[in-house]
């Protein structure tokens, strides 16, 4: 057992990069709003990864929480396993999210923080090895977790190769996502972002038939406009890639795939609708328009009506049932 959690880290390692401006910035309310998703029923999708990390990790391990966001995974791990003495490095591209994570855990010596910056000249995000100090790279990382994020990585291969560079031989990686097209998904379950595509027809039917939404009929049959909003939606909710793509990418990056599991997760329709309302422009931007396509934003009244349409369309999609079953894919692998 470690006498002090700070003994986990290599000598002269700075847990908090105090020279970076985000560390002392004001906490953003949008980050707080996002953080509230941890209370949603469907966020039980974290439980298998939490338990797997507790089982596989040893005291003294250093683990990267990659795409940590506001620290929801780390928060739940520390709450569930308060006596586990491992170091958790929260890594994310959002300074606003990291700032809130720092606020939550800054007094816990088991946590550290690093931001991935976007390099404009190179048109890429920094890689993991570029933001970790030499002392940590020399030591090597024992494990890495990526929850609810891997389906968003445009260049998955580059991300995986960066993980492999800093992981020790035999180091473990735990990945999960509700947006991996897994052929072994339980019958009747959803890959959760598929709901966004499926509710489009429900929303269009409501706009056509319900005078409440008559304001959204302008440009309704404009094929070019429809195509523009389809492209906008796919920039928010990327096309779902097959499981084989992830397995092959992991192997190409030097990982052995040790296990793959498909887990059902109950999602409350109202909670999922509430989450999507934060991205209403990407979900139903065509209903009322948006500046990215039209050059101007709709009024606040139209935005509220758009959110109402979203929620009603989602309820219609699930026949007014209170919940639906989603499928989360969990992949455990190790560095060769």
C-alpha atoms as a PDB file:
ATOM      1  CA  UNK A   1       0.000   0.000   0.000  1.00  0.00           C
ATOM      2  CA  UNK A   2       1.140   3.543  -0.743  1.00  0.00           C
ATOM      3  CA  UNK A   3       1.678   5.838   2.225  1.00  0.00           C
ATOM      4  CA  UNK A   4       0.498   8.751   0.112  1.00  0.00           C
ATOM      5  CA  UNK A   5      -1.330   8.757  -3.220  1.00  0.00           C
ATOM      6  CA  UNK A   6       1.175  11.283  -4.567  1.00  0.00           C
ATOM      7  CA  UNK A   7       3.840   8.528  -4.341  1.00  0.00           C
ATOM      8  CA  UNK A   8       2.195   6.909  -7.378  1.00  0.00           C
ATOM      9  CA  UNK A   9       3.530   9.576  -9.725  1.00  0.00           C
ATOM     10  CA  UNK A  10       7.127   9.757 -11.019  1.00  0.00           C
ATOM     11  CA  UNK A  11       9.474  12.320  -9.418  1.00  0.00           C
ATOM     12  CA  UNK A  12       8.822  15.967 -10.320  1.00  0.00           C
ATOM     13  CA  UNK A  13       5.612  15.079 -12.165  1.00  0.00           C
ATOM     14  CA  UNK A  14       3.136  17.964 -12.139  1.00  0.00           C
ATOM     15  CA  UNK A  15      -0.390  16.703 -11.746  1.00  0.00           C
ATOM     16  CA  UNK A  16      -1.870  20.022 -12.857  1.00  0.00           C
ATOM     17  CA  UNK A  17      -0.290  21.998 -15.733  1.00  0.00           C
ATOM     18  CA  UNK A  18      -0.484  25.302 -13.870  1.00  0.00           C
ATOM     19  CA  UNK A  19       1.051  27.261 -16.770  1.00  0.00           C
ATOM     20  CA  UNK A  20      -2.008  26.601 -18.958  1.00  0.00           C
ATOM     21  CA  UNK A  21      -4.727  29.257 -18.905  1.00  0.00           C
ATOM     22  CA  UNK A  22      -7.672  26.879 -18.641  1.00  0.00           C
ATOM     23  CA  UNK A  23      -6.588  25.834 -15.150  1.00  0.00           C
ATOM     24  CA  UNK A  24      -7.678  29.176 -13.649  1.00  0.00           C
ATOM     25  CA  UNK A  25     -10.569  29.926 -16.007  1.00  0.00           C
ATOM     26  CA  UNK A  26     -14.184  30.393 -14.923  1.00  0.00           C
ATOM     27  CA  UNK A  27     -16.197  27.193 -14.900  1.00  0.00           C
ATOM     28  CA  UNK A  28     -18.450  27.073 -17.956  1.00  0.00           C
ATOM     29  CA  UNK A  29     -22.149  26.472 -17.414  1.00  0.00           C
ATOM     30  CA  UNK A  30     -22.360  24.356 -20.564  1.00  0.00           C
ATOM     31  CA  UNK A  31     -19.814  21.996 -18.977  1.00  0.00           C
ATOM     32  CA  UNK A  32     -21.976  21.760 -15.865  1.00  0.00           C
ATOM     33  CA  UNK A  33     -25.000  21.015 -18.041  1.00  0.00           C
ATOM     34  CA  UNK A  34     -23.125  18.239 -19.847  1.00  0.00           C
ATOM     35  CA  UNK A  35     -21.899  16.811 -16.545  1.00  0.00           C
ATOM     36  CA  UNK A  36     -25.526  16.261 -15.472  1.00  0.00           C
ATOM     37  CA  UNK A  37     -25.781  13.386 -17.962  1.00  0.00           C
ATOM     38  CA  UNK A  38     -24.116  11.183 -15.329  1.00  0.00           C
ATOM     39  CA  UNK A  39     -27.486  11.011 -13.559  1.00  0.00           C
ATOM     40  CA  UNK A  40     -29.229   9.506 -16.591  1.00  0.00           C
ATOM     41  CA  UNK A  41     -30.200   5.856 -16.470  1.00  0.00           C
ATOM     42  CA  UNK A  42     -28.331   5.003 -19.672  1.00  0.00           C
ATOM     43  CA  UNK A  43     -25.049   6.081 -18.077  1.00  0.00           C
ATOM     44  CA  UNK A  44     -25.054   2.737 -16.332  1.00  0.00           C
ATOM     45  CA  UNK A  45     -23.141   1.797 -19.489  1.00  0.00           C
ATOM     46  CA  UNK A  46     -20.009   2.704 -17.490  1.00  0.00           C
ATOM     47  CA  UNK A  47     -20.426  -0.046 -14.918  1.00  0.00           C
ATOM     48  CA  UNK A  48     -18.735  -2.946 -16.796  1.00  0.00           C
ATOM     49  CA  UNK A  49     -15.669  -0.783 -17.518  1.00  0.00           C
ATOM     50  CA  UNK A  50     -15.514   0.508 -13.953  1.00  0.00           C
ATOM     51  CA  UNK A  51     -15.574  -3.017 -12.577  1.00  0.00           C
ATOM     52  CA  UNK A  52     -13.115  -4.297 -15.171  1.00  0.00           C
ATOM     53  CA  UNK A  53     -10.619  -1.542 -14.326  1.00  0.00           C
ATOM     54  CA  UNK A  54     -10.942  -2.296 -10.612  1.00  0.00           C
ATOM     55  CA  UNK A  55     -10.314  -5.986 -11.262  1.00  0.00           C
ATOM     56  CA  UNK A  56      -7.374  -5.661 -13.655  1.00  0.00           C
ATOM     57  CA  UNK A  57      -5.480  -2.724 -12.141  1.00  0.00           C
ATOM     58  CA  UNK A  58      -2.915  -3.001  -9.383  1.00  0.00           C
ATOM     59  CA  UNK A  59      -2.162  -0.434  -6.694  1.00  0.00           C
ATOM     60  CA  UNK A  60       0.480   1.903  -8.072  1.00  0.00           C
ATOM     61  CA  UNK A  61      -0.772   1.663 -11.670  1.00  0.00           C
ATOM     62  CA  UNK A  62      -1.126   4.813 -13.743  1.00  0.00           C
ATOM     63  CA  UNK A  63      -4.147   4.807 -16.059  1.00  0.00           C
ATOM     64  CA  UNK A  64      -5.194   7.336 -18.703  1.00  0.00           C
ATOM     65  CA  UNK A  65      -8.859   8.326 -18.827  1.00  0.00           C
ATOM     66  CA  UNK A  66      -8.813   9.276 -22.516  1.00  0.00           C
ATOM     67  CA  UNK A  67     -11.546  11.644 -23.728  1.00  0.00           C
ATOM     68  CA  UNK A  68     -12.292  12.169 -20.048  1.00  0.00           C
ATOM     69  CA  UNK A  69     -14.681  15.074 -20.630  1.00  0.00           C
ATOM     70  CA  UNK A  70     -15.883  16.440 -17.305  1.00  0.00           C
ATOM     71  CA  UNK A  71     -14.494  13.395 -15.515  1.00  0.00           C
ATOM     72  CA  UNK A  72     -17.686  11.356 -15.221  1.00  0.00           C
ATOM     73  CA  UNK A  73     -15.874   8.012 -15.489  1.00  0.00           C
ATOM     74  CA  UNK A  74     -13.154   9.032 -13.025  1.00  0.00           C
ATOM     75  CA  UNK A  75     -15.731  10.408 -10.612  1.00  0.00           C
ATOM     76  CA  UNK A  76     -17.677   7.155 -10.584  1.00  0.00           C
ATOM     77  CA  UNK A  77     -14.506   5.074 -10.238  1.00  0.00           C
ATOM     78  CA  UNK A  78     -13.312   7.073  -7.236  1.00  0.00           C
ATOM     79  CA  UNK A  79     -16.764   6.834  -5.676  1.00  0.00           C
ATOM     80  CA  UNK A  80     -17.101   3.086  -6.315  1.00  0.00           C
ATOM     81  CA  UNK A  81     -13.524   2.164  -5.354  1.00  0.00           C
ATOM     82  CA  UNK A  82     -12.343   4.762  -2.830  1.00  0.00           C
ATOM     83  CA  UNK A  83      -9.499   2.571  -1.560  1.00  0.00           C
ATOM     84  CA  UNK A  84      -8.051   1.801  -4.989  1.00  0.00           C
ATOM     85  CA  UNK A  85      -4.631   3.442  -5.168  1.00  0.00           C
ATOM     86  CA  UNK A  86      -4.075   4.068  -8.858  1.00  0.00           C
ATOM     87  CA  UNK A  87      -3.222   7.297 -10.657  1.00  0.00           C
ATOM     88  CA  UNK A  88      -5.768   8.561 -13.185  1.00  0.00           C
ATOM     89  CA  UNK A  89      -4.617  10.991 -15.894  1.00  0.00           C
ATOM     90  CA  UNK A  90      -7.653  12.775 -17.340  1.00  0.00           C
ATOM     91  CA  UNK A  91      -6.951  13.691 -20.974  1.00  0.00           C
ATOM     92  CA  UNK A  92      -9.345  15.681 -23.143  1.00  0.00           C
ATOM     93  CA  UNK A  93      -9.422  18.289 -25.911  1.00  0.00           C
ATOM     94  CA  UNK A  94     -11.937  20.549 -24.158  1.00  0.00           C
ATOM     95  CA  UNK A  95     -10.467  23.060 -21.684  1.00  0.00           C
ATOM     96  CA  UNK A  96     -13.982  23.800 -20.412  1.00  0.00           C
ATOM     97  CA  UNK A  97     -14.614  20.164 -19.570  1.00  0.00           C
ATOM     98  CA  UNK A  98     -11.179  19.678 -18.021  1.00  0.00           C
ATOM     99  CA  UNK A  99     -11.684  22.790 -15.898  1.00  0.00           C
ATOM    100  CA  UNK A 100     -14.794  21.283 -14.327  1.00  0.00           C
ATOM    101  CA  UNK A 101     -13.029  17.950 -13.825  1.00  0.00           C
ATOM    102  CA  UNK A 102     -10.185  19.749 -12.067  1.00  0.00           C
ATOM    103  CA  UNK A 103     -12.670  21.519  -9.812  1.00  0.00           C
ATOM    104  CA  UNK A 104     -14.182  18.197  -8.798  1.00  0.00           C
ATOM    105  CA  UNK A 105     -10.960  16.296  -8.087  1.00  0.00           C
ATOM    106  CA  UNK A 106      -8.164  18.838  -7.520  1.00  0.00           C
ATOM    107  CA  UNK A 107      -7.750  17.800  -3.882  1.00  0.00           C
ATOM    108  CA  UNK A 108      -7.372  14.114  -4.811  1.00  0.00           C
ATOM    109  CA  UNK A 109      -3.706  13.307  -5.428  1.00  0.00           C
ATOM    110  CA  UNK A 110      -4.700  10.286  -7.492  1.00  0.00           C
ATOM    111  CA  UNK A 111      -5.746  12.542 -10.387  1.00  0.00           C
ATOM    112  CA  UNK A 112      -3.760  14.451 -13.019  1.00  0.00           C
ATOM    113  CA  UNK A 113      -4.802  16.465 -16.073  1.00  0.00           C
ATOM    114  CA  UNK A 114      -3.589  17.039 -19.626  1.00  0.00           C
ATOM    115  CA  UNK A 115      -5.211  18.843 -22.547  1.00  0.00           C
ATOM    116  CA  UNK A 116      -4.961  17.786 -26.189  1.00  0.00           C
ATOM    117  CA  UNK A 117      -4.652  20.975 -28.247  1.00  0.00           C
ATOM    118  CA  UNK A 118      -5.666  21.332 -31.864  1.00  0.00           C
ATOM    119  CA  UNK A 119      -2.660  22.146 -34.066  1.00  0.00           C
ATOM    120  CA  UNK A 120      -4.079  24.413 -36.752  1.00  0.00           C
ATOM    121  CA  UNK A 121      -1.075  24.354 -39.057  1.00  0.00           C
ATOM    122  CA  UNK A 122      -1.066  20.556 -39.072  1.00  0.00           C
ATOM    123  CA  UNK A 123      -4.877  20.239 -38.954  1.00  0.00           C
ATOM    124  CA  UNK A 124      -4.810  17.645 -36.220  1.00  0.00           C
ATOM    125  CA  UNK A 125      -5.257  17.103 -32.537  1.00  0.00           C
ATOM    126  CA  UNK A 126      -2.158  16.509 -30.444  1.00  0.00           C
ATOM    127  CA  UNK A 127      -1.334  12.890 -29.790  1.00  0.00           C
ATOM    128  CA  UNK A 128      -1.193  11.457 -26.308  1.00  0.00           C
ATOM    129  CA  UNK A 129       2.593  11.173 -26.189  1.00  0.00           C
ATOM    130  CA  UNK A 130       2.874  14.872 -27.065  1.00  0.00           C
ATOM    131  CA  UNK A 131       1.117  16.042 -23.903  1.00  0.00           C
ATOM    132  CA  UNK A 132       2.600  13.639 -21.370  1.00  0.00           C
ATOM    133  CA  UNK A 133       5.919  14.652 -19.748  1.00  0.00           C
ATOM    134  CA  UNK A 134       9.090  12.712 -20.362  1.00  0.00           C
ATOM    135  CA  UNK A 135       9.040  11.247 -16.859  1.00  0.00           C
ATOM    136  CA  UNK A 136       5.691   9.595 -17.539  1.00  0.00           C
ATOM    137  CA  UNK A 137       6.629   8.480 -21.053  1.00  0.00           C
ATOM    138  CA  UNK A 138       9.822   6.883 -19.710  1.00  0.00           C
ATOM    139  CA  UNK A 139       7.910   5.102 -16.968  1.00  0.00           C
ATOM    140  CA  UNK A 140       5.142   3.962 -19.307  1.00  0.00           C
ATOM    141  CA  UNK A 141       1.398   3.855 -18.681  1.00  0.00           C
ATOM    142  CA  UNK A 142      -0.159   0.711 -17.251  1.00  0.00           C
ATOM    143  CA  UNK A 143      -3.646   1.109 -18.682  1.00  0.00           C
ATOM    144  CA  UNK A 144      -6.057   3.276 -20.638  1.00  0.00           C
ATOM    145  CA  UNK A 145      -9.834   3.625 -20.669  1.00  0.00           C
ATOM    146  CA  UNK A 146     -11.964   5.282 -23.330  1.00  0.00           C
ATOM    147  CA  UNK A 147     -15.680   5.473 -22.582  1.00  0.00           C
ATOM    148  CA  UNK A 148     -18.458   6.776 -24.845  1.00  0.00           C
ATOM    149  CA  UNK A 149     -15.984   8.403 -27.216  1.00  0.00           C
ATOM    150  CA  UNK A 150     -14.106   6.014 -29.525  1.00  0.00           C
ATOM    151  CA  UNK A 151     -16.830   6.202 -32.190  1.00  0.00           C
ATOM    152  CA  UNK A 152     -16.046   9.943 -32.513  1.00  0.00           C
ATOM    153  CA  UNK A 153     -12.392   9.534 -33.498  1.00  0.00           C
ATOM    154  CA  UNK A 154     -11.989  10.509 -37.153  1.00  0.00           C
ATOM    155  CA  UNK A 155      -8.501   9.029 -37.352  1.00  0.00           C
ATOM    156  CA  UNK A 156      -8.900   6.023 -35.104  1.00  0.00           C
ATOM    157  CA  UNK A 157      -5.626   4.457 -36.219  1.00  0.00           C
ATOM    158  CA  UNK A 158      -3.590   7.504 -35.190  1.00  0.00           C
ATOM    159  CA  UNK A 159      -5.225   7.575 -31.770  1.00  0.00           C
ATOM    160  CA  UNK A 160      -4.594   3.870 -31.190  1.00  0.00           C
ATOM    161  CA  UNK A 161      -0.966   4.119 -32.268  1.00  0.00           C
ATOM    162  CA  UNK A 162      -0.462   6.995 -29.829  1.00  0.00           C
ATOM    163  CA  UNK A 163      -1.884   4.832 -27.052  1.00  0.00           C
ATOM    164  CA  UNK A 164       0.489   2.024 -27.956  1.00  0.00           C
ATOM    165  CA  UNK A 165       3.490   4.371 -27.785  1.00  0.00           C
ATOM    166  CA  UNK A 166       2.956   5.199 -24.129  1.00  0.00           C
ATOM    167  CA  UNK A 167       1.610   1.873 -22.848  1.00  0.00           C
ATOM    168  CA  UNK A 168       3.901  -0.659 -21.274  1.00  0.00           C
ATOM    169  CA  UNK A 169       4.111  -4.090 -22.928  1.00  0.00           C
ATOM    170  CA  UNK A 170       1.116  -5.991 -21.590  1.00  0.00           C
ATOM    171  CA  UNK A 171      -0.644  -2.730 -20.717  1.00  0.00           C
ATOM    172  CA  UNK A 172      -4.421  -2.973 -20.796  1.00  0.00           C
ATOM    173  CA  UNK A 173      -6.972  -0.952 -22.755  1.00  0.00           C
ATOM    174  CA  UNK A 174     -10.699  -0.855 -21.991  1.00  0.00           C
ATOM    175  CA  UNK A 175     -12.934   0.605 -24.704  1.00  0.00           C
ATOM    176  CA  UNK A 176     -16.688   0.903 -24.842  1.00  0.00           C
ATOM    177  CA  UNK A 177     -19.300   2.641 -26.960  1.00  0.00           C
ATOM    178  CA  UNK A 178     -23.012   2.467 -27.701  1.00  0.00           C
ATOM    179  CA  UNK A 179     -22.281   3.294 -31.345  1.00  0.00           C
ATOM    180  CA  UNK A 180     -20.377   0.284 -32.600  1.00  0.00           C
ATOM    181  CA  UNK A 181     -22.280  -1.851 -35.112  1.00  0.00           C
ATOM    182  CA  UNK A 182     -21.970  -5.146 -33.278  1.00  0.00           C
ATOM    183  CA  UNK A 183     -23.535  -8.178 -35.022  1.00  0.00           C
ATOM    184  CA  UNK A 184     -23.905  -9.816 -31.607  1.00  0.00           C
ATOM    185  CA  UNK A 185     -26.122  -7.050 -30.228  1.00  0.00           C
ATOM    186  CA  UNK A 186     -29.146  -8.351 -28.299  1.00  0.00           C
ATOM    187  CA  UNK A 187     -32.228  -8.720 -30.478  1.00  0.00           C
ATOM    188  CA  UNK A 188     -34.360  -5.579 -30.506  1.00  0.00           C
ATOM    189  CA  UNK A 189     -31.633  -3.340 -29.104  1.00  0.00           C
ATOM    190  CA  UNK A 190     -30.452  -0.051 -30.587  1.00  0.00           C
ATOM    191  CA  UNK A 191     -27.098   1.494 -31.359  1.00  0.00           C
ATOM    192  CA  UNK A 192     -28.051   4.659 -29.619  1.00  0.00           C
ATOM    193  CA  UNK A 193     -27.256   7.276 -32.278  1.00  0.00           C
ATOM    194  CA  UNK A 194     -29.393   5.374 -34.778  1.00  0.00           C
ATOM    195  CA  UNK A 195     -32.347   6.935 -32.991  1.00  0.00           C
ATOM    196  CA  UNK A 196     -31.340  10.314 -34.458  1.00  0.00           C
ATOM    197  CA  UNK A 197     -31.734   9.040 -38.016  1.00  0.00           C
ATOM    198  CA  UNK A 198     -34.913   7.128 -37.300  1.00  0.00           C
ATOM    199  CA  UNK A 199     -36.710  10.055 -35.697  1.00  0.00           C
ATOM    200  CA  UNK A 200     -36.292  12.137 -38.878  1.00  0.00           C
ATOM    201  CA  UNK A 201     -39.277  10.491 -40.574  1.00  0.00           C
ATOM    202  CA  UNK A 202     -41.368  10.818 -37.400  1.00  0.00           C
ATOM    203  CA  UNK A 203     -40.550  14.526 -37.203  1.00  0.00           C
ATOM    204  CA  UNK A 204     -41.331  15.136 -40.879  1.00  0.00           C
ATOM    205  CA  UNK A 205     -44.672  13.387 -40.506  1.00  0.00           C
ATOM    206  CA  UNK A 206     -45.565  15.565 -37.535  1.00  0.00           C
ATOM    207  CA  UNK A 207     -44.582  18.735 -39.387  1.00  0.00           C
ATOM    208  CA  UNK A 208     -46.761  17.673 -42.320  1.00  0.00           C
ATOM    209  CA  UNK A 209     -49.818  16.717 -40.281  1.00  0.00           C
ATOM    210  CA  UNK A 210     -49.799  18.864 -37.143  1.00  0.00           C
ATOM    211  CA  UNK A 211     -50.521  22.601 -37.524  1.00  0.00           C
ATOM    212  CA  UNK A 212     -48.503  23.172 -34.338  1.00  0.00           C
ATOM    213  CA  UNK A 213     -45.400  22.753 -36.459  1.00  0.00           C
ATOM    214  CA  UNK A 214     -46.558  24.600 -39.575  1.00  0.00           C
ATOM    215  CA  UNK A 215     -43.712  27.095 -39.144  1.00  0.00           C
ATOM    216  CA  UNK A 216     -41.272  24.324 -40.098  1.00  0.00           C
ATOM    217  CA  UNK A 217     -42.813  23.653 -43.517  1.00  0.00           C
ATOM    218  CA  UNK A 218     -40.808  26.346 -45.323  1.00  0.00           C
ATOM    219  CA  UNK A 219     -38.175  24.690 -47.490  1.00  0.00           C
ATOM    220  CA  UNK A 220     -39.551  21.291 -46.485  1.00  0.00           C
ATOM    221  CA  UNK A 221     -39.328  19.848 -50.015  1.00  0.00           C
ATOM    222  CA  UNK A 222     -36.093  21.602 -51.044  1.00  0.00           C
ATOM    223  CA  UNK A 223     -33.764  18.726 -51.915  1.00  0.00           C
ATOM    224  CA  UNK A 224     -30.570  20.780 -51.679  1.00  0.00           C
ATOM    225  CA  UNK A 225     -31.578  22.201 -48.312  1.00  0.00           C
ATOM    226  CA  UNK A 226     -32.409  18.710 -47.059  1.00  0.00           C
ATOM    227  CA  UNK A 227     -29.015  17.458 -48.214  1.00  0.00           C
ATOM    228  CA  UNK A 228     -27.266  20.301 -46.369  1.00  0.00           C
ATOM    229  CA  UNK A 229     -29.007  19.394 -43.126  1.00  0.00           C
ATOM    230  CA  UNK A 230     -28.253  15.704 -43.629  1.00  0.00           C
ATOM    231  CA  UNK A 231     -24.565  16.642 -43.850  1.00  0.00           C
ATOM    232  CA  UNK A 232     -24.864  18.840 -40.767  1.00  0.00           C
ATOM    233  CA  UNK A 233     -26.475  16.022 -38.803  1.00  0.00           C
ATOM    234  CA  UNK A 234     -23.734  13.596 -39.802  1.00  0.00           C
ATOM    235  CA  UNK A 235     -21.113  16.049 -38.544  1.00  0.00           C
ATOM    236  CA  UNK A 236     -22.741  15.840 -35.102  1.00  0.00           C
ATOM    237  CA  UNK A 237     -23.590  12.135 -35.209  1.00  0.00           C
ATOM    238  CA  UNK A 238     -20.996  10.275 -37.252  1.00  0.00           C
ATOM    239  CA  UNK A 239     -21.975   7.221 -39.297  1.00  0.00           C
ATOM    240  CA  UNK A 240     -21.734   4.123 -37.135  1.00  0.00           C
ATOM    241  CA  UNK A 241     -18.776   1.903 -38.025  1.00  0.00           C
ATOM    242  CA  UNK A 242     -18.767  -1.927 -37.810  1.00  0.00           C
ATOM    243  CA  UNK A 243     -17.140  -3.862 -34.992  1.00  0.00           C
ATOM    244  CA  UNK A 244     -14.618  -5.411 -37.402  1.00  0.00           C
ATOM    245  CA  UNK A 245     -13.260  -1.932 -38.172  1.00  0.00           C
ATOM    246  CA  UNK A 246     -12.338  -1.451 -34.509  1.00  0.00           C
ATOM    247  CA  UNK A 247     -10.910  -4.936 -34.111  1.00  0.00           C
ATOM    248  CA  UNK A 248      -8.716  -4.598 -37.202  1.00  0.00           C
ATOM    249  CA  UNK A 249      -7.580  -1.101 -36.197  1.00  0.00           C
ATOM    250  CA  UNK A 250      -6.592  -2.313 -32.740  1.00  0.00           C
ATOM    251  CA  UNK A 251      -4.601  -5.211 -34.142  1.00  0.00           C
ATOM    252  CA  UNK A 252      -2.893  -2.973 -36.700  1.00  0.00           C
ATOM    253  CA  UNK A 253      -1.828  -0.665 -33.853  1.00  0.00           C
ATOM    254  CA  UNK A 254      -0.200  -3.537 -31.954  1.00  0.00           C
ATOM    255  CA  UNK A 255      -2.945  -4.660 -29.586  1.00  0.00           C
ATOM    256  CA  UNK A 256      -4.236  -8.142 -28.850  1.00  0.00           C
ATOM    257  CA  UNK A 257      -8.021  -8.186 -28.556  1.00  0.00           C
ATOM    258  CA  UNK A 258      -8.724 -10.202 -25.422  1.00  0.00           C
ATOM    259  CA  UNK A 259     -12.512  -9.992 -25.187  1.00  0.00           C
ATOM    260  CA  UNK A 260     -15.560  -8.395 -26.786  1.00  0.00           C
ATOM    261  CA  UNK A 261     -18.889  -8.175 -25.035  1.00  0.00           C
ATOM    262  CA  UNK A 262     -22.278  -6.753 -26.005  1.00  0.00           C
ATOM    263  CA  UNK A 263     -24.207  -5.423 -23.004  1.00  0.00           C
ATOM    264  CA  UNK A 264     -27.845  -4.273 -22.954  1.00  0.00           C
ATOM    265  CA  UNK A 265     -28.464  -0.912 -21.300  1.00  0.00           C
ATOM    266  CA  UNK A 266     -31.865   0.563 -20.485  1.00  0.00           C
ATOM    267  CA  UNK A 267     -32.303   4.124 -21.727  1.00  0.00           C
ATOM    268  CA  UNK A 268     -35.237   6.274 -20.654  1.00  0.00           C
ATOM    269  CA  UNK A 269     -36.777   7.984 -23.674  1.00  0.00           C
ATOM    270  CA  UNK A 270     -37.271  11.254 -21.776  1.00  0.00           C
ATOM    271  CA  UNK A 271     -33.629  11.341 -20.633  1.00  0.00           C
ATOM    272  CA  UNK A 272     -32.264  10.578 -24.077  1.00  0.00           C
ATOM    273  CA  UNK A 273     -34.528  13.221 -25.603  1.00  0.00           C
ATOM    274  CA  UNK A 274     -33.316  15.708 -23.015  1.00  0.00           C
ATOM    275  CA  UNK A 275     -29.711  14.919 -23.923  1.00  0.00           C
ATOM    276  CA  UNK A 276     -30.393  15.344 -27.647  1.00  0.00           C
ATOM    277  CA  UNK A 277     -32.071  18.678 -27.028  1.00  0.00           C
ATOM    278  CA  UNK A 278     -28.639  20.067 -26.181  1.00  0.00           C
ATOM    279  CA  UNK A 279     -27.707  19.271 -29.804  1.00  0.00           C
ATOM    280  CA  UNK A 280     -31.057  20.221 -31.337  1.00  0.00           C
ATOM    281  CA  UNK A 281     -29.395  22.034 -34.234  1.00  0.00           C
ATOM    282  CA  UNK A 282     -27.604  18.854 -35.260  1.00  0.00           C
ATOM    283  CA  UNK A 283     -30.631  16.632 -34.716  1.00  0.00           C
ATOM    284  CA  UNK A 284     -33.412  18.685 -36.348  1.00  0.00           C
ATOM    285  CA  UNK A 285     -31.690  21.757 -37.723  1.00  0.00           C
ATOM    286  CA  UNK A 286     -33.976  21.775 -40.757  1.00  0.00           C
ATOM    287  CA  UNK A 287     -36.900  22.576 -38.434  1.00  0.00           C
ATOM    288  CA  UNK A 288     -36.514  26.342 -38.256  1.00  0.00           C
ATOM    289  CA  UNK A 289     -33.044  26.490 -39.791  1.00  0.00           C
ATOM    290  CA  UNK A 290     -29.642  27.463 -38.388  1.00  0.00           C
ATOM    291  CA  UNK A 291     -26.866  29.877 -39.246  1.00  0.00           C
ATOM    292  CA  UNK A 292     -24.505  27.193 -40.528  1.00  0.00           C
ATOM    293  CA  UNK A 293     -26.906  26.494 -43.398  1.00  0.00           C
ATOM    294  CA  UNK A 294     -29.196  29.521 -43.672  1.00  0.00           C
ATOM    295  CA  UNK A 295     -26.822  32.256 -42.542  1.00  0.00           C
ATOM    296  CA  UNK A 296     -29.014  33.197 -39.586  1.00  0.00           C
ATOM    297  CA  UNK A 297     -30.335  31.571 -36.443  1.00  0.00           C
ATOM    298  CA  UNK A 298     -34.010  30.990 -35.666  1.00  0.00           C
ATOM    299  CA  UNK A 299     -35.785  32.858 -32.888  1.00  0.00           C
ATOM    300  CA  UNK A 300     -35.829  31.507 -29.342  1.00  0.00           C
ATOM    301  CA  UNK A 301     -39.502  30.643 -29.842  1.00  0.00           C
ATOM    302  CA  UNK A 302     -38.686  28.498 -32.869  1.00  0.00           C
ATOM    303  CA  UNK A 303     -35.850  26.798 -31.010  1.00  0.00           C
ATOM    304  CA  UNK A 304     -38.202  25.858 -28.171  1.00  0.00           C
ATOM    305  CA  UNK A 305     -40.710  24.569 -30.736  1.00  0.00           C
ATOM    306  CA  UNK A 306     -37.924  22.541 -32.378  1.00  0.00           C
ATOM    307  CA  UNK A 307     -37.091  20.929 -29.035  1.00  0.00           C
ATOM    308  CA  UNK A 308     -40.753  20.117 -28.517  1.00  0.00           C
ATOM    309  CA  UNK A 309     -40.839  18.487 -31.956  1.00  0.00           C
ATOM    310  CA  UNK A 310     -37.735  16.472 -31.078  1.00  0.00           C
ATOM    311  CA  UNK A 311     -39.242  15.125 -27.869  1.00  0.00           C
ATOM    312  CA  UNK A 312     -42.596  14.347 -29.473  1.00  0.00           C
ATOM    313  CA  UNK A 313     -40.901  12.603 -32.405  1.00  0.00           C
ATOM    314  CA  UNK A 314     -38.817  10.487 -30.039  1.00  0.00           C
ATOM    315  CA  UNK A 315     -41.898   9.479 -28.049  1.00  0.00           C
ATOM    316  CA  UNK A 316     -43.633   8.563 -31.312  1.00  0.00           C
ATOM    317  CA  UNK A 317     -40.624   6.526 -32.447  1.00  0.00           C
ATOM    318  CA  UNK A 318     -40.889   4.372 -29.324  1.00  0.00           C
ATOM    319  CA  UNK A 319     -44.710   4.189 -29.313  1.00  0.00           C
ATOM    320  CA  UNK A 320     -44.871   6.181 -26.067  1.00  0.00           C
ATOM    321  CA  UNK A 321     -42.966   3.484 -24.190  1.00  0.00           C
ATOM    322  CA  UNK A 322     -40.921   4.989 -21.322  1.00  0.00           C
ATOM    323  CA  UNK A 323     -37.654   3.270 -22.234  1.00  0.00           C
ATOM    324  CA  UNK A 324     -35.767   1.349 -24.887  1.00  0.00           C
ATOM    325  CA  UNK A 325     -32.879  -1.093 -24.841  1.00  0.00           C
ATOM    326  CA  UNK A 326     -29.561   0.101 -26.209  1.00  0.00           C
ATOM    327  CA  UNK A 327     -26.480  -2.014 -26.868  1.00  0.00           C
ATOM    328  CA  UNK A 328     -23.036  -1.089 -25.575  1.00  0.00           C
ATOM    329  CA  UNK A 329     -19.988  -2.894 -26.924  1.00  0.00           C
ATOM    330  CA  UNK A 330     -17.075  -3.416 -24.523  1.00  0.00           C
ATOM    331  CA  UNK A 331     -13.632  -4.300 -25.867  1.00  0.00           C
ATOM    332  CA  UNK A 332     -10.720  -5.330 -23.677  1.00  0.00           C
ATOM    333  CA  UNK A 333      -7.286  -5.566 -25.214  1.00  0.00           C
ATOM    334  CA  UNK A 334      -3.610  -5.509 -24.304  1.00  0.00           C
ATOM    335  CA  UNK A 335      -0.422  -4.197 -25.860  1.00  0.00           C
ATOM    336  CA  UNK A 336       1.666  -6.932 -27.436  1.00  0.00           C
END
